[in-house]
Protein backbone atom coordinates (compact mmCIF):
# COMPACT_ATOMS: atom_id res chain seq x y z
CA MET A 1 -10.59 -32.83 -0.17
CA SER A 2 -7.37 -33.07 1.39
CA THR A 3 -5.30 -30.66 4.08
CA LEU A 4 -2.09 -29.08 3.06
CA PRO A 5 0.10 -27.99 5.90
CA ILE A 6 1.73 -24.26 5.04
CA ARG A 7 3.38 -21.52 6.57
CA LEU A 8 1.40 -18.37 6.94
CA ASP A 9 2.31 -15.20 8.65
CA ASP A 10 1.35 -15.27 12.21
CA ASP A 11 -1.59 -12.50 12.04
CA ILE A 12 -3.18 -14.37 9.12
CA ILE A 13 -3.30 -17.39 11.79
CA GLU A 14 -4.88 -15.36 14.42
CA LYS A 15 -7.51 -13.62 12.06
CA PHE A 16 -8.31 -17.12 10.71
CA ARG A 17 -8.70 -18.73 14.19
CA GLN A 18 -10.77 -15.38 15.30
CA ALA A 19 -13.20 -16.00 12.41
CA SER A 20 -16.59 -17.66 12.49
CA GLU A 21 -17.11 -20.49 10.55
CA SER A 22 -18.84 -19.23 7.61
CA GLU A 23 -15.82 -17.04 7.28
CA LYS A 24 -13.64 -19.96 7.40
CA ALA A 25 -15.55 -21.78 4.75
CA ARG A 26 -15.05 -18.51 2.70
CA TRP A 27 -11.64 -17.91 2.88
CA GLU A 28 -11.27 -21.55 2.47
CA GLU A 29 -13.05 -21.23 -0.51
CA ALA A 30 -11.38 -18.11 -1.72
CA PHE A 31 -7.60 -19.89 -0.97
CA ASN A 32 -8.59 -23.06 -3.17
CA LEU A 33 -9.89 -21.02 -6.23
CA TRP A 34 -6.56 -19.30 -5.79
CA TRP A 35 -4.37 -22.32 -6.01
CA ARG A 36 -6.40 -23.58 -8.76
CA VAL A 37 -6.08 -20.70 -10.80
CA TYR A 38 -2.31 -20.58 -9.81
CA PHE A 39 -1.52 -24.06 -10.90
CA ILE A 40 -3.13 -23.70 -14.31
CA ALA A 41 -0.73 -22.71 -16.82
CA ASP A 42 -2.85 -21.62 -19.81
CA PRO A 43 -4.15 -18.50 -19.49
CA LYS A 44 -7.28 -19.48 -21.11
CA GLN A 45 -8.14 -22.24 -18.96
CA LYS A 46 -7.93 -19.79 -15.96
CA LEU A 47 -10.46 -17.62 -17.40
CA ASP A 48 -12.44 -20.54 -17.59
CA VAL A 49 -11.68 -21.31 -14.14
CA MET A 50 -12.67 -17.86 -12.76
CA THR A 51 -15.73 -17.19 -15.40
CA ASP A 52 -17.46 -21.12 -13.71
CA TYR A 53 -16.62 -19.98 -10.27
CA PHE A 54 -18.36 -16.41 -10.48
CA ARG A 55 -21.13 -18.04 -12.32
CA LYS A 56 -21.60 -20.71 -9.98
CA LYS A 57 -21.83 -18.40 -6.46
CA ALA A 58 -24.26 -15.92 -8.67
CA LEU A 59 -26.63 -18.77 -9.58
CA GLU A 60 -26.12 -20.07 -6.04
CA ARG A 61 -27.30 -16.30 -5.08
CA GLY A 62 -30.21 -16.03 -7.11
CA LEU A 63 -28.63 -14.24 -9.73
CA THR A 64 -30.78 -14.71 -12.83
CA PRO A 65 -29.64 -13.44 -16.40
CA GLU A 66 -32.62 -10.96 -16.37
CA LYS A 67 -31.20 -9.99 -12.64
CA LEU A 68 -28.03 -9.16 -14.52
CA ASP A 69 -29.46 -7.65 -17.10
CA ASP A 70 -31.67 -5.65 -15.17
CA ILE A 71 -28.35 -4.52 -12.65
CA LEU A 72 -26.45 -3.33 -15.77
CA ALA A 73 -29.23 -1.45 -18.08
CA ASP A 74 -27.57 1.64 -18.48
CA GLU A 75 -30.39 4.47 -17.08
């Protein structure tokens, strides 16, 4: 991964500097996802990128199709 110097508002920079390492990692991941989606022109590709990202995160956090069915079950 590479770095890209960009200008941000001072209050954003300050909040980032005060954040824990795990928060910084989540911010960087969110920014990466946003930029990836922003620069992909085809709307279908944008949806695929977002879907793949959230599927990966859900699996990493232990969400199985069965658990999702339970969550979404109409009671």
